[in-house]
Amino acid sequence: MKYIRYEHNEEVRFGELEKGVVYELDGDYISGAKRTGVGLPLNEVRLLAPCIPGKIVGVTANYRSFLDAKKIPYPRIPKLFQKPKTSVIASGETIRLPDPAHVVNYEGELAVVIGTRCTKVKLEDAMDYVFGYTCINDVSDVTMCDEDQTLGRGKGCDTFSPIGPLVSDEIDPENVMIETRLNGKVVQHENSSDIYFSIPELIEFISAYMTLEPGDIIASGTPVGAARLHPGDRIEVEVEGIGSIWNRVE
């Protein structure tokens, strides 16, 4: 099923998307909401970010193509950072650069949406806690990261986490294409099978140290090809079976 969060008649609601029809739910789909019986054509609603995570846990350097291109030794453990929920925007909204002199990169990624609260999860049980998947652009101010020698500020700026357009539980996360287009040109194109630490491995590792809650997102890493954004750019991230998000840069 495909799940969305949307606005209609100035009210924010959750819904299921099926064959171009939005079926209204009586609450958040992650909590098990049911259909109300109301259905609307997709073109009559405004899509919002499909969820507002309590936290986004990101993983750096987690694609073999990226590691190989940068000549980075394969890591022993995943390297993590967090992004606040205030960084989340929807497809169609604007990415705002904090300083036009800064180097700010796009990073197209597959995002994992947690469905059930979990801690200290065993590898073999990890996928039981996944609700579905969405697209994320892990926008990153490289200048800030270099200045701080840590990732918190440079990854966590307002507008730095475009997600959407929906959450799907119908894809195989180990075999989907991820593509990023900058001003219409393909700049990232890689299959998720290139991920170094698998999604179950990430859930096991992360949950050993921090509790994951429903709606939390794991940004699973970006393939080779991440590069700089400039004012006026249009950046798109597409994950096969989910759809694409696009944002302008100012």
Protein backbone atom coordinates (compact mmCIF):
# COMPACT_ATOMS: atom_id res chain seq x y z
CA MET A 1 0.00 0.00 0.00
CA LYS A 2 1.02 3.62 -0.54
CA TYR A 3 0.43 6.13 2.26
CA ILE A 4 0.34 9.91 2.18
CA ARG A 5 -0.17 12.95 4.35
CA TYR A 6 -2.08 15.73 2.62
CA GLU A 7 -4.03 18.95 2.90
CA HIS A 8 -7.60 19.36 1.69
CA ASN A 9 -9.94 22.25 2.49
CA GLU A 10 -7.25 23.63 4.85
CA GLU A 11 -7.24 20.43 6.92
CA VAL A 12 -4.29 18.05 7.24
CA ARG A 13 -5.15 14.37 6.95
CA PHE A 14 -3.59 10.97 6.35
CA GLY A 15 -4.62 8.73 3.51
CA GLU A 16 -4.01 5.64 1.41
CA LEU A 17 -3.31 6.16 -2.28
CA GLU A 18 -4.70 3.61 -4.70
CA LYS A 19 -5.09 3.99 -8.48
CA GLY A 20 -5.08 7.78 -8.32
CA VAL A 21 -7.63 7.98 -5.51
CA VAL A 22 -6.85 9.22 -2.00
CA TYR A 23 -8.78 7.30 0.66
CA GLU A 24 -9.01 9.34 3.84
CA LEU A 25 -7.93 7.69 7.11
CA ASP A 26 -9.23 8.44 10.60
CA GLY A 27 -5.72 9.08 11.92
CA ASP A 28 -2.03 8.42 11.34
CA TYR A 29 -1.49 5.37 9.13
CA ILE A 30 1.50 4.27 11.21
CA SER A 31 -0.79 3.86 14.22
CA GLY A 32 -3.16 1.60 12.26
CA ALA A 33 -5.83 4.12 11.21
CA LYS A 34 -8.81 2.95 9.17
CA ARG A 35 -10.50 4.34 6.08
CA THR A 36 -13.37 6.76 6.74
CA GLY A 37 -15.14 6.04 3.45
CA VAL A 38 -14.16 9.37 1.89
CA GLY A 39 -12.24 9.22 -1.39
CA LEU A 40 -10.81 12.06 -3.46
CA PRO A 41 -8.92 12.31 -6.74
CA LEU A 42 -5.22 12.81 -6.11
CA ASN A 43 -5.21 16.06 -8.09
CA GLU A 44 -7.62 17.64 -5.60
CA VAL A 45 -5.27 17.42 -2.61
CA ARG A 46 -1.89 18.96 -1.76
CA LEU A 47 0.72 16.43 -0.76
CA LEU A 48 2.72 17.19 2.39
CA ALA A 49 5.76 15.46 3.83
CA PRO A 50 4.32 11.95 4.35
CA CYS A 51 5.39 11.84 8.00
CA ILE A 52 7.06 14.08 10.57
CA PRO A 53 9.70 11.90 12.22
CA GLY A 54 10.69 12.40 15.82
CA LYS A 55 14.25 12.02 14.57
CA ILE A 56 16.12 11.19 11.42
CA VAL A 57 19.15 8.96 11.87
CA GLY A 58 21.53 9.28 8.95
CA VAL A 59 24.37 7.03 7.87
CA THR A 60 27.47 8.43 6.19
CA ALA A 61 29.51 6.67 3.50
CA ASN A 62 27.27 3.61 3.19
CA TYR A 63 27.45 2.79 -0.53
CA ARG A 64 30.28 0.80 -2.02
CA SER A 65 30.29 3.10 -5.06
CA PHE A 66 30.75 6.11 -2.79
CA LEU A 67 33.46 4.47 -0.68
CA ASP A 68 35.34 3.29 -3.76
CA ALA A 69 35.14 6.66 -5.54
CA LYS A 70 36.39 8.51 -2.46
CA LYS A 71 38.99 5.80 -1.72
CA ILE A 72 37.62 5.47 1.80
CA PRO A 73 38.37 2.19 3.63
CA TYR A 74 35.23 0.16 4.25
CA PRO A 75 34.08 1.05 7.78
CA ARG A 76 33.94 -1.43 10.64
CA ILE A 77 30.68 0.03 11.99
CA PRO A 78 28.07 2.44 10.61
CA LYS A 79 28.86 6.13 11.17
CA LEU A 80 25.74 7.94 12.33
CA PHE A 81 24.37 11.46 12.66
CA GLN A 82 20.94 12.90 13.45
CA LYS A 83 18.74 15.47 11.77
CA PRO A 84 15.88 17.23 13.61
CA LYS A 85 12.28 17.09 12.49
CA THR A 86 12.44 20.85 11.89
CA SER A 87 14.63 20.11 8.84
CA VAL A 88 11.74 18.28 7.10
CA ILE A 89 10.01 19.78 4.07
CA ALA A 90 7.77 18.34 1.37
CA SER A 91 8.28 17.93 -2.33
CA GLY A 92 7.78 21.28 -4.06
CA GLU A 93 8.94 23.34 -1.09
CA THR A 94 12.14 25.38 -1.12
CA ILE A 95 15.60 24.39 0.11
CA ARG A 96 17.15 27.53 1.60
CA LEU A 97 20.92 27.88 1.68
CA PRO A 98 22.15 29.44 4.95
CA ASP A 99 25.04 31.25 3.23
CA PRO A 100 25.54 31.52 -0.55
CA ALA A 101 29.31 31.19 -0.06
CA HIS A 102 28.93 27.78 1.59
CA VAL A 103 29.25 24.49 -0.27
CA VAL A 104 25.90 22.71 0.18
CA ASN A 105 25.45 19.25 -1.36
CA TYR A 106 22.43 17.18 -2.37
CA GLU A 107 22.37 13.50 -1.34
CA GLY A 108 19.59 11.32 -2.76
CA GLU A 109 18.73 8.39 -0.51
CA LEU A 110 16.30 5.61 0.34
CA ALA A 111 14.69 6.32 3.71
CA VAL A 112 13.38 3.64 6.08
CA VAL A 113 10.27 4.52 8.11
CA ILE A 114 10.02 2.77 11.47
CA GLY A 115 6.61 1.35 12.35
CA THR A 116 7.02 -0.03 15.87
CA ARG A 117 8.98 1.21 18.88
CA CYS A 118 12.11 -0.86 19.20
CA THR A 119 15.32 -1.14 21.16
CA LYS A 120 18.17 -3.66 21.11
CA VAL A 121 16.74 -5.42 18.08
CA LYS A 122 18.25 -8.68 16.85
CA LEU A 123 19.34 -8.78 13.22
CA GLU A 124 16.89 -11.52 12.26
CA ASP A 125 13.96 -9.54 13.71
CA ALA A 126 14.91 -6.11 12.38
CA MET A 127 12.55 -5.93 9.41
CA ASP A 128 9.55 -6.62 11.67
CA TYR A 129 9.91 -3.02 12.90
CA VAL A 130 9.85 -1.37 9.47
CA PHE A 131 6.64 0.27 8.30
CA GLY A 132 7.75 1.29 4.84
CA TYR A 133 10.05 3.44 2.74
CA THR A 134 10.24 6.91 1.25
CA CYS A 135 12.66 9.23 -0.57
CA ILE A 136 14.91 11.68 1.25
CA ASN A 137 17.35 14.32 0.08
CA ASP A 138 19.95 14.55 2.85
CA VAL A 139 20.99 18.13 2.10
CA SER A 140 24.33 18.89 3.75
CA ASP A 141 26.26 22.11 4.33
CA VAL A 142 29.79 20.82 3.75
CA THR A 143 31.35 24.10 4.85
CA MET A 144 29.67 23.89 8.25
CA CYS A 145 30.61 20.23 8.65
CA ASP A 146 34.24 21.06 7.91
CA GLU A 147 34.23 24.08 10.23
CA ASP A 148 32.66 22.14 13.11
CA GLN A 149 34.40 18.80 12.49
CA THR A 150 31.03 17.24 13.24
CA LEU A 151 27.80 16.84 11.27
CA GLY A 152 25.05 18.21 13.52
CA ARG A 153 24.79 21.81 12.33
CA GLY A 154 25.63 21.18 8.68
CA LYS A 155 23.08 18.38 8.33
CA GLY A 156 20.34 19.80 10.54
CA CYS A 157 19.50 23.19 9.04
CA ASP A 158 15.89 24.08 8.34
CA THR A 159 14.72 22.74 4.93
CA PHE A 160 17.61 20.22 4.75
CA SER A 161 15.44 17.07 4.76
CA PRO A 162 12.99 16.98 1.85
CA ILE A 163 11.02 13.71 2.09
CA GLY A 164 8.19 12.11 0.16
CA PRO A 165 6.12 11.99 -1.89
CA LEU A 166 4.64 9.00 -0.06
CA VAL A 167 5.50 6.01 2.10
CA SER A 168 5.32 2.59 0.45
CA ASP A 169 5.47 -0.89 1.96
CA GLU A 170 5.48 -2.51 -1.49
CA ILE A 171 9.13 -2.23 -2.54
CA ASP A 172 12.11 -4.50 -2.06
CA PRO A 173 14.57 -2.17 -0.29
CA GLU A 174 17.51 -4.33 -1.34
CA ASN A 175 16.78 -3.93 -5.06
CA VAL A 176 15.47 -0.52 -6.12
CA MET A 177 17.05 2.15 -8.28
CA ILE A 178 17.85 5.51 -6.70
CA GLU A 179 18.25 8.42 -9.09
CA THR A 180 18.99 12.10 -8.49
CA ARG A 181 18.56 14.73 -11.20
CA LEU A 182 20.04 18.24 -11.01
CA ASN A 183 18.32 20.64 -13.40
CA GLY A 184 17.14 17.61 -15.38
CA LYS A 185 20.56 15.94 -15.63
CA VAL A 186 21.08 12.55 -13.97
CA VAL A 187 23.80 12.95 -11.33
CA GLN A 188 23.21 9.86 -9.17
CA HIS A 189 22.00 6.49 -10.45
CA GLU A 190 22.57 3.40 -8.35
CA ASN A 191 20.76 0.31 -7.10
CA SER A 192 20.17 -0.06 -3.37
CA SER A 193 21.93 -3.44 -3.56
CA ASP A 194 25.13 -1.35 -3.47
CA ILE A 195 24.48 -0.46 0.19
CA TYR A 196 27.36 -1.58 2.42
CA PHE A 197 25.56 -1.96 5.78
CA SER A 198 22.15 -3.49 5.05
CA ILE A 199 18.91 -2.12 6.49
CA PRO A 200 18.64 -4.97 9.06
CA GLU A 201 22.25 -4.31 10.10
CA LEU A 202 21.51 -0.60 10.49
CA ILE A 203 18.41 -1.22 12.61
CA GLU A 204 20.29 -3.68 14.82
CA PHE A 205 23.20 -1.27 15.27
CA ILE A 206 21.18 1.92 15.82
CA SER A 207 18.67 0.33 18.20
CA ALA A 208 21.49 -0.99 20.36
CA TYR A 209 22.17 2.60 21.42
CA MET A 210 18.99 4.59 20.86
CA THR A 211 15.34 3.64 20.87
CA LEU A 212 13.63 3.97 17.50
CA GLU A 213 10.01 5.10 17.61
CA PRO A 214 7.11 4.94 15.12
CA GLY A 215 7.65 7.47 12.35
CA ASP A 216 11.39 7.79 12.89
CA ILE A 217 13.45 7.67 9.71
CA ILE A 218 16.75 6.03 8.88
CA ALA A 219 18.46 7.74 5.93
CA SER A 220 20.42 4.77 4.61
CA GLY A 221 23.23 6.61 2.80
CA THR A 222 23.87 8.12 -0.61
CA PRO A 223 25.54 6.66 -3.71
CA VAL A 224 28.42 8.28 -5.55
CA GLY A 225 27.58 11.54 -7.31
CA ALA A 226 26.62 13.93 -4.49
CA ALA A 227 27.68 17.46 -5.38
CA ARG A 228 26.98 21.13 -4.86
CA LEU A 229 23.67 22.97 -5.04
CA HIS A 230 23.36 26.60 -6.17
CA PRO A 231 20.56 29.16 -5.93
CA GLY A 232 18.08 28.60 -8.74
CA ASP A 233 18.75 24.86 -9.02
CA ARG A 234 15.98 22.29 -9.22
CA ILE A 235 16.90 19.01 -7.52
CA GLU A 236 14.91 15.77 -7.83
CA VAL A 237 15.30 12.47 -5.99
CA GLU A 238 13.49 9.37 -7.23
CA VAL A 239 13.31 5.90 -5.72
CA GLU A 240 11.88 3.15 -7.88
CA GLY A 241 8.40 2.13 -6.74
CA ILE A 242 7.96 5.19 -4.52
CA GLY A 243 8.11 8.17 -6.86
CA SER A 244 10.09 11.38 -6.82
CA ILE A 245 10.46 14.57 -4.84
CA TRP A 246 11.63 17.87 -6.30
CA ASN A 247 12.71 21.11 -4.69
CA ARG A 248 13.98 24.51 -5.79
CA VAL A 249 17.04 26.04 -4.15
CA GLU A 250 17.18 29.64 -2.89
